[in-house]
Amino acid sequence: HCEYFSTAMAVMLRTHGVAARVVNG
């Protein structure tokens, strides 16, 4: 579900030095 996708993207971006956060709404 959506939390898996958002968490995956945020972590993957952070591994490459891109500041990201997960938002719930």
PDBML (XML) file of the C-alpha atoms, coordinates in Angstrom:
<?xml version="1.0" encoding="UTF-8" ?>
<PDBx:datablock datablockName="MODEL"
   xmlns:PDBx="http://pdbml.pdb.org/schema/pdbx-v50.xsd"
   xmlns:xsi="http://www.w3.org/2001/XMLSchema-instance"
   xsi:schemaLocation="http://pdbml.pdb.org/schema/pdbx-v50.xsd pdbx-v50.xsd">
   <PDBx:atom_siteCategory>
      <PDBx:atom_site id="1">
         <PDBx:B_iso_or_equiv>0.00</PDBx:B_iso_or_equiv>
         <PDBx:Cartn_x>0.000</PDBx:Cartn_x>
         <PDBx:Cartn_y>0.000</PDBx:Cartn_y>
         <PDBx:Cartn_z>0.000</PDBx:Cartn_z>
         <PDBx:auth_asym_id>A</PDBx:auth_asym_id>
         <PDBx:auth_atom_id>CA</PDBx:auth_atom_id>
         <PDBx:auth_comp_id>HIS</PDBx:auth_comp_id>
         <PDBx:auth_seq_id>1</PDBx:auth_seq_id>
         <PDBx:group_PDB>ATOM</PDBx:group_PDB>
         <PDBx:label_alt_id xsi:nil="true" />
         <PDBx:label_asym_id>A</PDBx:label_asym_id>
         <PDBx:label_atom_id>CA</PDBx:label_atom_id>
         <PDBx:label_comp_id>HIS</PDBx:label_comp_id>
         <PDBx:label_entity_id>1</PDBx:label_entity_id>
         <PDBx:label_seq_id>1</PDBx:label_seq_id>
         <PDBx:occupancy>1.00</PDBx:occupancy>
         <PDBx:pdbx_PDB_model_num>1</PDBx:pdbx_PDB_model_num>
         <PDBx:type_symbol>C</PDBx:type_symbol>
      </PDBx:atom_site>
      <PDBx:atom_site id="2">
         <PDBx:B_iso_or_equiv>0.00</PDBx:B_iso_or_equiv>
         <PDBx:Cartn_x>0.930</PDBx:Cartn_x>
         <PDBx:Cartn_y>3.697</PDBx:Cartn_y>
         <PDBx:Cartn_z>-0.158</PDBx:Cartn_z>
         <PDBx:auth_asym_id>A</PDBx:auth_asym_id>
         <PDBx:auth_atom_id>CA</PDBx:auth_atom_id>
         <PDBx:auth_comp_id>CYS</PDBx:auth_comp_id>
         <PDBx:auth_seq_id>2</PDBx:auth_seq_id>
         <PDBx:group_PDB>ATOM</PDBx:group_PDB>
         <PDBx:label_alt_id xsi:nil="true" />
         <PDBx:label_asym_id>A</PDBx:label_asym_id>
         <PDBx:label_atom_id>CA</PDBx:label_atom_id>
         <PDBx:label_comp_id>CYS</PDBx:label_comp_id>
         <PDBx:label_entity_id>1</PDBx:label_entity_id>
         <PDBx:label_seq_id>2</PDBx:label_seq_id>
         <PDBx:occupancy>1.00</PDBx:occupancy>
         <PDBx:pdbx_PDB_model_num>1</PDBx:pdbx_PDB_model_num>
         <PDBx:type_symbol>C</PDBx:type_symbol>
      </PDBx:atom_site>
      <PDBx:atom_site id="3">
         <PDBx:B_iso_or_equiv>0.00</PDBx:B_iso_or_equiv>
         <PDBx:Cartn_x>3.090</PDBx:Cartn_x>
         <PDBx:Cartn_y>3.717</PDBx:Cartn_y>
         <PDBx:Cartn_z>2.983</PDBx:Cartn_z>
         <PDBx:auth_asym_id>A</PDBx:auth_asym_id>
         <PDBx:auth_atom_id>CA</PDBx:auth_atom_id>
         <PDBx:auth_comp_id>GLU</PDBx:auth_comp_id>
         <PDBx:auth_seq_id>3</PDBx:auth_seq_id>
         <PDBx:group_PDB>ATOM</PDBx:group_PDB>
         <PDBx:label_alt_id xsi:nil="true" />
         <PDBx:label_asym_id>A</PDBx:label_asym_id>
         <PDBx:label_atom_id>CA</PDBx:label_atom_id>
         <PDBx:label_comp_id>GLU</PDBx:label_comp_id>
         <PDBx:label_entity_id>1</PDBx:label_entity_id>
         <PDBx:label_seq_id>3</PDBx:label_seq_id>
         <PDBx:occupancy>1.00</PDBx:occupancy>
         <PDBx:pdbx_PDB_model_num>1</PDBx:pdbx_PDB_model_num>
         <PDBx:type_symbol>C</PDBx:type_symbol>
      </PDBx:atom_site>
      <PDBx:atom_site id="4">
         <PDBx:B_iso_or_equiv>0.00</PDBx:B_iso_or_equiv>
         <PDBx:Cartn_x>5.390</PDBx:Cartn_x>
         <PDBx:Cartn_y>1.088</PDBx:Cartn_y>
         <PDBx:Cartn_z>1.479</PDBx:Cartn_z>
         <PDBx:auth_asym_id>A</PDBx:auth_asym_id>
         <PDBx:auth_atom_id>CA</PDBx:auth_atom_id>
         <PDBx:auth_comp_id>TYR</PDBx:auth_comp_id>
         <PDBx:auth_seq_id>4</PDBx:auth_seq_id>
         <PDBx:group_PDB>ATOM</PDBx:group_PDB>
         <PDBx:label_alt_id xsi:nil="true" />
         <PDBx:label_asym_id>A</PDBx:label_asym_id>
         <PDBx:label_atom_id>CA</PDBx:label_atom_id>
         <PDBx:label_comp_id>TYR</PDBx:label_comp_id>
         <PDBx:label_entity_id>1</PDBx:label_entity_id>
         <PDBx:label_seq_id>4</PDBx:label_seq_id>
         <PDBx:occupancy>1.00</PDBx:occupancy>
         <PDBx:pdbx_PDB_model_num>1</PDBx:pdbx_PDB_model_num>
         <PDBx:type_symbol>C</PDBx:type_symbol>
      </PDBx:atom_site>
      <PDBx:atom_site id="5">
         <PDBx:B_iso_or_equiv>0.00</PDBx:B_iso_or_equiv>
         <PDBx:Cartn_x>5.807</PDBx:Cartn_x>
         <PDBx:Cartn_y>3.160</PDBx:Cartn_y>
         <PDBx:Cartn_z>-1.681</PDBx:Cartn_z>
         <PDBx:auth_asym_id>A</PDBx:auth_asym_id>
         <PDBx:auth_atom_id>CA</PDBx:auth_atom_id>
         <PDBx:auth_comp_id>PHE</PDBx:auth_comp_id>
         <PDBx:auth_seq_id>5</PDBx:auth_seq_id>
         <PDBx:group_PDB>ATOM</PDBx:group_PDB>
         <PDBx:label_alt_id xsi:nil="true" />
         <PDBx:label_asym_id>A</PDBx:label_asym_id>
         <PDBx:label_atom_id>CA</PDBx:label_atom_id>
         <PDBx:label_comp_id>PHE</PDBx:label_comp_id>
         <PDBx:label_entity_id>1</PDBx:label_entity_id>
         <PDBx:label_seq_id>5</PDBx:label_seq_id>
         <PDBx:occupancy>1.00</PDBx:occupancy>
         <PDBx:pdbx_PDB_model_num>1</PDBx:pdbx_PDB_model_num>
         <PDBx:type_symbol>C</PDBx:type_symbol>
      </PDBx:atom_site>
      <PDBx:atom_site id="6">
         <PDBx:B_iso_or_equiv>0.00</PDBx:B_iso_or_equiv>
         <PDBx:Cartn_x>6.381</PDBx:Cartn_x>
         <PDBx:Cartn_y>6.480</PDBx:Cartn_y>
         <PDBx:Cartn_z>0.095</PDBx:Cartn_z>
         <PDBx:auth_asym_id>A</PDBx:auth_asym_id>
         <PDBx:auth_atom_id>CA</PDBx:auth_atom_id>
         <PDBx:auth_comp_id>SER</PDBx:auth_comp_id>
         <PDBx:auth_seq_id>6</PDBx:auth_seq_id>
         <PDBx:group_PDB>ATOM</PDBx:group_PDB>
         <PDBx:label_alt_id xsi:nil="true" />
         <PDBx:label_asym_id>A</PDBx:label_asym_id>
         <PDBx:label_atom_id>CA</PDBx:label_atom_id>
         <PDBx:label_comp_id>SER</PDBx:label_comp_id>
         <PDBx:label_entity_id>1</PDBx:label_entity_id>
         <PDBx:label_seq_id>6</PDBx:label_seq_id>
         <PDBx:occupancy>1.00</PDBx:occupancy>
         <PDBx:pdbx_PDB_model_num>1</PDBx:pdbx_PDB_model_num>
         <PDBx:type_symbol>C</PDBx:type_symbol>
      </PDBx:atom_site>
      <PDBx:atom_site id="7">
         <PDBx:B_iso_or_equiv>0.00</PDBx:B_iso_or_equiv>
         <PDBx:Cartn_x>8.825</PDBx:Cartn_x>
         <PDBx:Cartn_y>4.949</PDBx:Cartn_y>
         <PDBx:Cartn_z>2.581</PDBx:Cartn_z>
         <PDBx:auth_asym_id>A</PDBx:auth_asym_id>
         <PDBx:auth_atom_id>CA</PDBx:auth_atom_id>
         <PDBx:auth_comp_id>THR</PDBx:auth_comp_id>
         <PDBx:auth_seq_id>7</PDBx:auth_seq_id>
         <PDBx:group_PDB>ATOM</PDBx:group_PDB>
         <PDBx:label_alt_id xsi:nil="true" />
         <PDBx:label_asym_id>A</PDBx:label_asym_id>
         <PDBx:label_atom_id>CA</PDBx:label_atom_id>
         <PDBx:label_comp_id>THR</PDBx:label_comp_id>
         <PDBx:label_entity_id>1</PDBx:label_entity_id>
         <PDBx:label_seq_id>7</PDBx:label_seq_id>
         <PDBx:occupancy>1.00</PDBx:occupancy>
         <PDBx:pdbx_PDB_model_num>1</PDBx:pdbx_PDB_model_num>
         <PDBx:type_symbol>C</PDBx:type_symbol>
      </PDBx:atom_site>
      <PDBx:atom_site id="8">
         <PDBx:B_iso_or_equiv>0.00</PDBx:B_iso_or_equiv>
         <PDBx:Cartn_x>10.739</PDBx:Cartn_x>
         <PDBx:Cartn_y>3.206</PDBx:Cartn_y>
         <PDBx:Cartn_z>-0.212</PDBx:Cartn_z>
         <PDBx:auth_asym_id>A</PDBx:auth_asym_id>
         <PDBx:auth_atom_id>CA</PDBx:auth_atom_id>
         <PDBx:auth_comp_id>ALA</PDBx:auth_comp_id>
         <PDBx:auth_seq_id>8</PDBx:auth_seq_id>
         <PDBx:group_PDB>ATOM</PDBx:group_PDB>
         <PDBx:label_alt_id xsi:nil="true" />
         <PDBx:label_asym_id>A</PDBx:label_asym_id>
         <PDBx:label_atom_id>CA</PDBx:label_atom_id>
         <PDBx:label_comp_id>ALA</PDBx:label_comp_id>
         <PDBx:label_entity_id>1</PDBx:label_entity_id>
         <PDBx:label_seq_id>8</PDBx:label_seq_id>
         <PDBx:occupancy>1.00</PDBx:occupancy>
         <PDBx:pdbx_PDB_model_num>1</PDBx:pdbx_PDB_model_num>
         <PDBx:type_symbol>C</PDBx:type_symbol>
      </PDBx:atom_site>
      <PDBx:atom_site id="9">
         <PDBx:B_iso_or_equiv>0.00</PDBx:B_iso_or_equiv>
         <PDBx:Cartn_x>11.075</PDBx:Cartn_x>
         <PDBx:Cartn_y>6.423</PDBx:Cartn_y>
         <PDBx:Cartn_z>-2.235</PDBx:Cartn_z>
         <PDBx:auth_asym_id>A</PDBx:auth_asym_id>
         <PDBx:auth_atom_id>CA</PDBx:auth_atom_id>
         <PDBx:auth_comp_id>MET</PDBx:auth_comp_id>
         <PDBx:auth_seq_id>9</PDBx:auth_seq_id>
         <PDBx:group_PDB>ATOM</PDBx:group_PDB>
         <PDBx:label_alt_id xsi:nil="true" />
         <PDBx:label_asym_id>A</PDBx:label_asym_id>
         <PDBx:label_atom_id>CA</PDBx:label_atom_id>
         <PDBx:label_comp_id>MET</PDBx:label_comp_id>
         <PDBx:label_entity_id>1</PDBx:label_entity_id>
         <PDBx:label_seq_id>9</PDBx:label_seq_id>
         <PDBx:occupancy>1.00</PDBx:occupancy>
         <PDBx:pdbx_PDB_model_num>1</PDBx:pdbx_PDB_model_num>
         <PDBx:type_symbol>C</PDBx:type_symbol>
      </PDBx:atom_site>
      <PDBx:atom_site id="10">
         <PDBx:B_iso_or_equiv>0.00</PDBx:B_iso_or_equiv>
         <PDBx:Cartn_x>12.154</PDBx:Cartn_x>
         <PDBx:Cartn_y>8.535</PDBx:Cartn_y>
         <PDBx:Cartn_z>0.747</PDBx:Cartn_z>
         <PDBx:auth_asym_id>A</PDBx:auth_asym_id>
         <PDBx:auth_atom_id>CA</PDBx:auth_atom_id>
         <PDBx:auth_comp_id>ALA</PDBx:auth_comp_id>
         <PDBx:auth_seq_id>10</PDBx:auth_seq_id>
         <PDBx:group_PDB>ATOM</PDBx:group_PDB>
         <PDBx:label_alt_id xsi:nil="true" />
         <PDBx:label_asym_id>A</PDBx:label_asym_id>
         <PDBx:label_atom_id>CA</PDBx:label_atom_id>
         <PDBx:label_comp_id>ALA</PDBx:label_comp_id>
         <PDBx:label_entity_id>1</PDBx:label_entity_id>
         <PDBx:label_seq_id>10</PDBx:label_seq_id>
         <PDBx:occupancy>1.00</PDBx:occupancy>
         <PDBx:pdbx_PDB_model_num>1</PDBx:pdbx_PDB_model_num>
         <PDBx:type_symbol>C</PDBx:type_symbol>
      </PDBx:atom_site>
      <PDBx:atom_site id="11">
         <PDBx:B_iso_or_equiv>0.00</PDBx:B_iso_or_equiv>
         <PDBx:Cartn_x>14.832</PDBx:Cartn_x>
         <PDBx:Cartn_y>6.041</PDBx:Cartn_y>
         <PDBx:Cartn_z>1.820</PDBx:Cartn_z>
         <PDBx:auth_asym_id>A</PDBx:auth_asym_id>
         <PDBx:auth_atom_id>CA</PDBx:auth_atom_id>
         <PDBx:auth_comp_id>VAL</PDBx:auth_comp_id>
         <PDBx:auth_seq_id>11</PDBx:auth_seq_id>
         <PDBx:group_PDB>ATOM</PDBx:group_PDB>
         <PDBx:label_alt_id xsi:nil="true" />
         <PDBx:label_asym_id>A</PDBx:label_asym_id>
         <PDBx:label_atom_id>CA</PDBx:label_atom_id>
         <PDBx:label_comp_id>VAL</PDBx:label_comp_id>
         <PDBx:label_entity_id>1</PDBx:label_entity_id>
         <PDBx:label_seq_id>11</PDBx:label_seq_id>
         <PDBx:occupancy>1.00</PDBx:occupancy>
         <PDBx:pdbx_PDB_model_num>1</PDBx:pdbx_PDB_model_num>
         <PDBx:type_symbol>C</PDBx:type_symbol>
      </PDBx:atom_site>
      <PDBx:atom_site id="12">
         <PDBx:B_iso_or_equiv>0.00</PDBx:B_iso_or_equiv>
         <PDBx:Cartn_x>16.095</PDBx:Cartn_x>
         <PDBx:Cartn_y>5.526</PDBx:Cartn_y>
         <PDBx:Cartn_z>-1.739</PDBx:Cartn_z>
         <PDBx:auth_asym_id>A</PDBx:auth_asym_id>
         <PDBx:auth_atom_id>CA</PDBx:auth_atom_id>
         <PDBx:auth_comp_id>MET</PDBx:auth_comp_id>
         <PDBx:auth_seq_id>12</PDBx:auth_seq_id>
         <PDBx:group_PDB>ATOM</PDBx:group_PDB>
         <PDBx:label_alt_id xsi:nil="true" />
         <PDBx:label_asym_id>A</PDBx:label_asym_id>
         <PDBx:label_atom_id>CA</PDBx:label_atom_id>
         <PDBx:label_comp_id>MET</PDBx:label_comp_id>
         <PDBx:label_entity_id>1</PDBx:label_entity_id>
         <PDBx:label_seq_id>12</PDBx:label_seq_id>
         <PDBx:occupancy>1.00</PDBx:occupancy>
         <PDBx:pdbx_PDB_model_num>1</PDBx:pdbx_PDB_model_num>
         <PDBx:type_symbol>C</PDBx:type_symbol>
      </PDBx:atom_site>
      <PDBx:atom_site id="13">
         <PDBx:B_iso_or_equiv>0.00</PDBx:B_iso_or_equiv>
         <PDBx:Cartn_x>16.436</PDBx:Cartn_x>
         <PDBx:Cartn_y>9.288</PDBx:Cartn_y>
         <PDBx:Cartn_z>-2.262</PDBx:Cartn_z>
         <PDBx:auth_asym_id>A</PDBx:auth_asym_id>
         <PDBx:auth_atom_id>CA</PDBx:auth_atom_id>
         <PDBx:auth_comp_id>LEU</PDBx:auth_comp_id>
         <PDBx:auth_seq_id>13</PDBx:auth_seq_id>
         <PDBx:group_PDB>ATOM</PDBx:group_PDB>
         <PDBx:label_alt_id xsi:nil="true" />
         <PDBx:label_asym_id>A</PDBx:label_asym_id>
         <PDBx:label_atom_id>CA</PDBx:label_atom_id>
         <PDBx:label_comp_id>LEU</PDBx:label_comp_id>
         <PDBx:label_entity_id>1</PDBx:label_entity_id>
         <PDBx:label_seq_id>13</PDBx:label_seq_id>
         <PDBx:occupancy>1.00</PDBx:occupancy>
         <PDBx:pdbx_PDB_model_num>1</PDBx:pdbx_PDB_model_num>
         <PDBx:type_symbol>C</PDBx:type_symbol>
      </PDBx:atom_site>
      <PDBx:atom_site id="14">
         <PDBx:B_iso_or_equiv>0.00</PDBx:B_iso_or_equiv>
         <PDBx:Cartn_x>18.250</PDBx:Cartn_x>
         <PDBx:Cartn_y>9.710</PDBx:Cartn_y>
         <PDBx:Cartn_z>1.047</PDBx:Cartn_z>
         <PDBx:auth_asym_id>A</PDBx:auth_asym_id>
         <PDBx:auth_atom_id>CA</PDBx:auth_atom_id>
         <PDBx:auth_comp_id>ARG</PDBx:auth_comp_id>
         <PDBx:auth_seq_id>14</PDBx:auth_seq_id>
         <PDBx:group_PDB>ATOM</PDBx:group_PDB>
         <PDBx:label_alt_id xsi:nil="true" />
         <PDBx:label_asym_id>A</PDBx:label_asym_id>
         <PDBx:label_atom_id>CA</PDBx:label_atom_id>
         <PDBx:label_comp_id>ARG</PDBx:label_comp_id>
         <PDBx:label_entity_id>1</PDBx:label_entity_id>
         <PDBx:label_seq_id>14</PDBx:label_seq_id>
         <PDBx:occupancy>1.00</PDBx:occupancy>
         <PDBx:pdbx_PDB_model_num>1</PDBx:pdbx_PDB_model_num>
         <PDBx:type_symbol>C</PDBx:type_symbol>
      </PDBx:atom_site>
      <PDBx:atom_site id="15">
         <PDBx:B_iso_or_equiv>0.00</PDBx:B_iso_or_equiv>
         <PDBx:Cartn_x>20.795</PDBx:Cartn_x>
         <PDBx:Cartn_y>7.062</PDBx:Cartn_y>
         <PDBx:Cartn_z>0.054</PDBx:Cartn_z>
         <PDBx:auth_asym_id>A</PDBx:auth_asym_id>
         <PDBx:auth_atom_id>CA</PDBx:auth_atom_id>
         <PDBx:auth_comp_id>THR</PDBx:auth_comp_id>
         <PDBx:auth_seq_id>15</PDBx:auth_seq_id>
         <PDBx:group_PDB>ATOM</PDBx:group_PDB>
         <PDBx:label_alt_id xsi:nil="true" />
         <PDBx:label_asym_id>A</PDBx:label_asym_id>
         <PDBx:label_atom_id>CA</PDBx:label_atom_id>
         <PDBx:label_comp_id>THR</PDBx:label_comp_id>
         <PDBx:label_entity_id>1</PDBx:label_entity_id>
         <PDBx:label_seq_id>15</PDBx:label_seq_id>
         <PDBx:occupancy>1.00</PDBx:occupancy>
         <PDBx:pdbx_PDB_model_num>1</PDBx:pdbx_PDB_model_num>
         <PDBx:type_symbol>C</PDBx:type_symbol>
      </PDBx:atom_site>
      <PDBx:atom_site id="16">
         <PDBx:B_iso_or_equiv>0.00</PDBx:B_iso_or_equiv>
         <PDBx:Cartn_x>21.758</PDBx:Cartn_x>
         <PDBx:Cartn_y>9.438</PDBx:Cartn_y>
         <PDBx:Cartn_z>-2.783</PDBx:Cartn_z>
         <PDBx:auth_asym_id>A</PDBx:auth_asym_id>
         <PDBx:auth_atom_id>CA</PDBx:auth_atom_id>
         <PDBx:auth_comp_id>HIS</PDBx:auth_comp_id>
         <PDBx:auth_seq_id>16</PDBx:auth_seq_id>
         <PDBx:group_PDB>ATOM</PDBx:group_PDB>
         <PDBx:label_alt_id xsi:nil="true" />
         <PDBx:label_asym_id>A</PDBx:label_asym_id>
         <PDBx:label_atom_id>CA</PDBx:label_atom_id>
         <PDBx:label_comp_id>HIS</PDBx:label_comp_id>
         <PDBx:label_entity_id>1</PDBx:label_entity_id>
         <PDBx:label_seq_id>16</PDBx:label_seq_id>
         <PDBx:occupancy>1.00</PDBx:occupancy>
         <PDBx:pdbx_PDB_model_num>1</PDBx:pdbx_PDB_model_num>
         <PDBx:type_symbol>C</PDBx:type_symbol>
      </PDBx:atom_site>
      <PDBx:atom_site id="17">
         <PDBx:B_iso_or_equiv>0.00</PDBx:B_iso_or_equiv>
         <PDBx:Cartn_x>21.883</PDBx:Cartn_x>
         <PDBx:Cartn_y>12.623</PDBx:Cartn_y>
         <PDBx:Cartn_z>-0.744</PDBx:Cartn_z>
         <PDBx:auth_asym_id>A</PDBx:auth_asym_id>
         <PDBx:auth_atom_id>CA</PDBx:auth_atom_id>
         <PDBx:auth_comp_id>GLY</PDBx:auth_comp_id>
         <PDBx:auth_seq_id>17</PDBx:auth_seq_id>
         <PDBx:group_PDB>ATOM</PDBx:group_PDB>
         <PDBx:label_alt_id xsi:nil="true" />
         <PDBx:label_asym_id>A</PDBx:label_asym_id>
         <PDBx:label_atom_id>CA</PDBx:label_atom_id>
         <PDBx:label_comp_id>GLY</PDBx:label_comp_id>
         <PDBx:label_entity_id>1</PDBx:label_entity_id>
         <PDBx:label_seq_id>17</PDBx:label_seq_id>
         <PDBx:occupancy>1.00</PDBx:occupancy>
         <PDBx:pdbx_PDB_model_num>1</PDBx:pdbx_PDB_model_num>
         <PDBx:type_symbol>C</PDBx:type_symbol>
      </PDBx:atom_site>
      <PDBx:atom_site id="18">
         <PDBx:B_iso_or_equiv>0.00</PDBx:B_iso_or_equiv>
         <PDBx:Cartn_x>18.440</PDBx:Cartn_x>
         <PDBx:Cartn_y>13.997</PDBx:Cartn_y>
         <PDBx:Cartn_z>-1.587</PDBx:Cartn_z>
         <PDBx:auth_asym_id>A</PDBx:auth_asym_id>
         <PDBx:auth_atom_id>CA</PDBx:auth_atom_id>
         <PDBx:auth_comp_id>VAL</PDBx:auth_comp_id>
         <PDBx:auth_seq_id>18</PDBx:auth_seq_id>
         <PDBx:group_PDB>ATOM</PDBx:group_PDB>
         <PDBx:label_alt_id xsi:nil="true" />
         <PDBx:label_asym_id>A</PDBx:label_asym_id>
         <PDBx:label_atom_id>CA</PDBx:label_atom_id>
         <PDBx:label_comp_id>VAL</PDBx:label_comp_id>
         <PDBx:label_entity_id>1</PDBx:label_entity_id>
         <PDBx:label_seq_id>18</PDBx:label_seq_id>
         <PDBx:occupancy>1.00</PDBx:occupancy>
         <PDBx:pdbx_PDB_model_num>1</PDBx:pdbx_PDB_model_num>
         <PDBx:type_symbol>C</PDBx:type_symbol>
      </PDBx:atom_site>
      <PDBx:atom_site id="19">
         <PDBx:B_iso_or_equiv>0.00</PDBx:B_iso_or_equiv>
         <PDBx:Cartn_x>16.504</PDBx:Cartn_x>
         <PDBx:Cartn_y>15.406</PDBx:Cartn_y>
         <PDBx:Cartn_z>1.388</PDBx:Cartn_z>
         <PDBx:auth_asym_id>A</PDBx:auth_asym_id>
         <PDBx:auth_atom_id>CA</PDBx:auth_atom_id>
         <PDBx:auth_comp_id>ALA</PDBx:auth_comp_id>
         <PDBx:auth_seq_id>19</PDBx:auth_seq_id>
         <PDBx:group_PDB>ATOM</PDBx:group_PDB>
         <PDBx:label_alt_id xsi:nil="true" />
         <PDBx:label_asym_id>A</PDBx:label_asym_id>
         <PDBx:label_atom_id>CA</PDBx:label_atom_id>
         <PDBx:label_comp_id>ALA</PDBx:label_comp_id>
         <PDBx:label_entity_id>1</PDBx:label_entity_id>
         <PDBx:label_seq_id>19</PDBx:label_seq_id>
         <PDBx:occupancy>1.00</PDBx:occupancy>
         <PDBx:pdbx_PDB_model_num>1</PDBx:pdbx_PDB_model_num>
         <PDBx:type_symbol>C</PDBx:type_symbol>
      </PDBx:atom_site>
      <PDBx:atom_site id="20">
         <PDBx:B_iso_or_equiv>0.00</PDBx:B_iso_or_equiv>
         <PDBx:Cartn_x>13.057</PDBx:Cartn_x>
         <PDBx:Cartn_y>13.778</PDBx:Cartn_y>
         <PDBx:Cartn_z>1.531</PDBx:Cartn_z>
         <PDBx:auth_asym_id>A</PDBx:auth_asym_id>
         <PDBx:auth_atom_id>CA</PDBx:auth_atom_id>
         <PDBx:auth_comp_id>ALA</PDBx:auth_comp_id>
         <PDBx:auth_seq_id>20</PDBx:auth_seq_id>
         <PDBx:group_PDB>ATOM</PDBx:group_PDB>
         <PDBx:label_alt_id xsi:nil="true" />
         <PDBx:label_asym_id>A</PDBx:label_asym_id>
         <PDBx:label_atom_id>CA</PDBx:label_atom_id>
         <PDBx:label_comp_id>ALA</PDBx:label_comp_id>
         <PDBx:label_entity_id>1</PDBx:label_entity_id>
         <PDBx:label_seq_id>20</PDBx:label_seq_id>
         <PDBx:occupancy>1.00</PDBx:occupancy>
         <PDBx:pdbx_PDB_model_num>1</PDBx:pdbx_PDB_model_num>
         <PDBx:type_symbol>C</PDBx:type_symbol>
      </PDBx:atom_site>
      <PDBx:atom_site id="21">
         <PDBx:B_iso_or_equiv>0.00</PDBx:B_iso_or_equiv>
         <PDBx:Cartn_x>10.252</PDBx:Cartn_x>
         <PDBx:Cartn_y>13.165</PDBx:Cartn_y>
         <PDBx:Cartn_z>3.994</PDBx:Cartn_z>
         <PDBx:auth_asym_id>A</PDBx:auth_asym_id>
         <PDBx:auth_atom_id>CA</PDBx:auth_atom_id>
         <PDBx:auth_comp_id>ARG</PDBx:auth_comp_id>
         <PDBx:auth_seq_id>21</PDBx:auth_seq_id>
         <PDBx:group_PDB>ATOM</PDBx:group_PDB>
         <PDBx:label_alt_id xsi:nil="true" />
         <PDBx:label_asym_id>A</PDBx:label_asym_id>
         <PDBx:label_atom_id>CA</PDBx:label_atom_id>
         <PDBx:label_comp_id>ARG</PDBx:label_comp_id>
         <PDBx:label_entity_id>1</PDBx:label_entity_id>
         <PDBx:label_seq_id>21</PDBx:label_seq_id>
         <PDBx:occupancy>1.00</PDBx:occupancy>
         <PDBx:pdbx_PDB_model_num>1</PDBx:pdbx_PDB_model_num>
         <PDBx:type_symbol>C</PDBx:type_symbol>
      </PDBx:atom_site>
      <PDBx:atom_site id="22">
         <PDBx:B_iso_or_equiv>0.00</PDBx:B_iso_or_equiv>
         <PDBx:Cartn_x>7.111</PDBx:Cartn_x>
         <PDBx:Cartn_y>11.016</PDBx:Cartn_y>
         <PDBx:Cartn_z>4.171</PDBx:Cartn_z>
         <PDBx:auth_asym_id>A</PDBx:auth_asym_id>
         <PDBx:auth_atom_id>CA</PDBx:auth_atom_id>
         <PDBx:auth_comp_id>VAL</PDBx:auth_comp_id>
         <PDBx:auth_seq_id>22</PDBx:auth_seq_id>
         <PDBx:group_PDB>ATOM</PDBx:group_PDB>
         <PDBx:label_alt_id xsi:nil="true" />
         <PDBx:label_asym_id>A</PDBx:label_asym_id>
         <PDBx:label_atom_id>CA</PDBx:label_atom_id>
         <PDBx:label_comp_id>VAL</PDBx:label_comp_id>
         <PDBx:label_entity_id>1</PDBx:label_entity_id>
         <PDBx:label_seq_id>22</PDBx:label_seq_id>
         <PDBx:occupancy>1.00</PDBx:occupancy>
         <PDBx:pdbx_PDB_model_num>1</PDBx:pdbx_PDB_model_num>
         <PDBx:type_symbol>C</PDBx:type_symbol>
      </PDBx:atom_site>
      <PDBx:atom_site id="23">
         <PDBx:B_iso_or_equiv>0.00</PDBx:B_iso_or_equiv>
         <PDBx:Cartn_x>3.773</PDBx:Cartn_x>
         <PDBx:Cartn_y>12.836</PDBx:Cartn_y>
         <PDBx:Cartn_z>4.481</PDBx:Cartn_z>
         <PDBx:auth_asym_id>A</PDBx:auth_asym_id>
         <PDBx:auth_atom_id>CA</PDBx:auth_atom_id>
         <PDBx:auth_comp_id>VAL</PDBx:auth_comp_id>
         <PDBx:auth_seq_id>23</PDBx:auth_seq_id>
         <PDBx:group_PDB>ATOM</PDBx:group_PDB>
         <PDBx:label_alt_id xsi:nil="true" />
         <PDBx:label_asym_id>A</PDBx:label_asym_id>
         <PDBx:label_atom_id>CA</PDBx:label_atom_id>
         <PDBx:label_comp_id>VAL</PDBx:label_comp_id>
         <PDBx:label_entity_id>1</PDBx:label_entity_id>
         <PDBx:label_seq_id>23</PDBx:label_seq_id>
         <PDBx:occupancy>1.00</PDBx:occupancy>
         <PDBx:pdbx_PDB_model_num>1</PDBx:pdbx_PDB_model_num>
         <PDBx:type_symbol>C</PDBx:type_symbol>
      </PDBx:atom_site>
      <PDBx:atom_site id="24">
         <PDBx:B_iso_or_equiv>0.00</PDBx:B_iso_or_equiv>
         <PDBx:Cartn_x>0.535</PDBx:Cartn_x>
         <PDBx:Cartn_y>11.301</PDBx:Cartn_y>
         <PDBx:Cartn_z>5.745</PDBx:Cartn_z>
         <PDBx:auth_asym_id>A</PDBx:auth_asym_id>
         <PDBx:auth_atom_id>CA</PDBx:auth_atom_id>
         <PDBx:auth_comp_id>ASN</PDBx:auth_comp_id>
         <PDBx:auth_seq_id>24</PDBx:auth_seq_id>
         <PDBx:group_PDB>ATOM</PDBx:group_PDB>
         <PDBx:label_alt_id xsi:nil="true" />
         <PDBx:label_asym_id>A</PDBx:label_asym_id>
         <PDBx:label_atom_id>CA</PDBx:label_atom_id>
         <PDBx:label_comp_id>ASN</PDBx:label_comp_id>
         <PDBx:label_entity_id>1</PDBx:label_entity_id>
         <PDBx:label_seq_id>24</PDBx:label_seq_id>
         <PDBx:occupancy>1.00</PDBx:occupancy>
         <PDBx:pdbx_PDB_model_num>1</PDBx:pdbx_PDB_model_num>
         <PDBx:type_symbol>C</PDBx:type_symbol>
      </PDBx:atom_site>
      <PDBx:atom_site id="25">
         <PDBx:B_iso_or_equiv>0.00</PDBx:B_iso_or_equiv>
         <PDBx:Cartn_x>-2.768</PDBx:Cartn_x>
         <PDBx:Cartn_y>12.925</PDBx:Cartn_y>
         <PDBx:Cartn_z>4.877</PDBx:Cartn_z>
         <PDBx:auth_asym_id>A</PDBx:auth_asym_id>
         <PDBx:auth_atom_id>CA</PDBx:auth_atom_id>
         <PDBx:auth_comp_id>GLY</PDBx:auth_comp_id>
         <PDBx:auth_seq_id>25</PDBx:auth_seq_id>
         <PDBx:group_PDB>ATOM</PDBx:group_PDB>
         <PDBx:label_alt_id xsi:nil="true" />
         <PDBx:label_asym_id>A</PDBx:label_asym_id>
         <PDBx:label_atom_id>CA</PDBx:label_atom_id>
         <PDBx:label_comp_id>GLY</PDBx:label_comp_id>
         <PDBx:label_entity_id>1</PDBx:label_entity_id>
         <PDBx:label_seq_id>25</PDBx:label_seq_id>
         <PDBx:occupancy>1.00</PDBx:occupancy>
         <PDBx:pdbx_PDB_model_num>1</PDBx:pdbx_PDB_model_num>
         <PDBx:type_symbol>C</PDBx:type_symbol>
      </PDBx:atom_site>
   </PDBx:atom_siteCategory>
</PDBx:datablock>
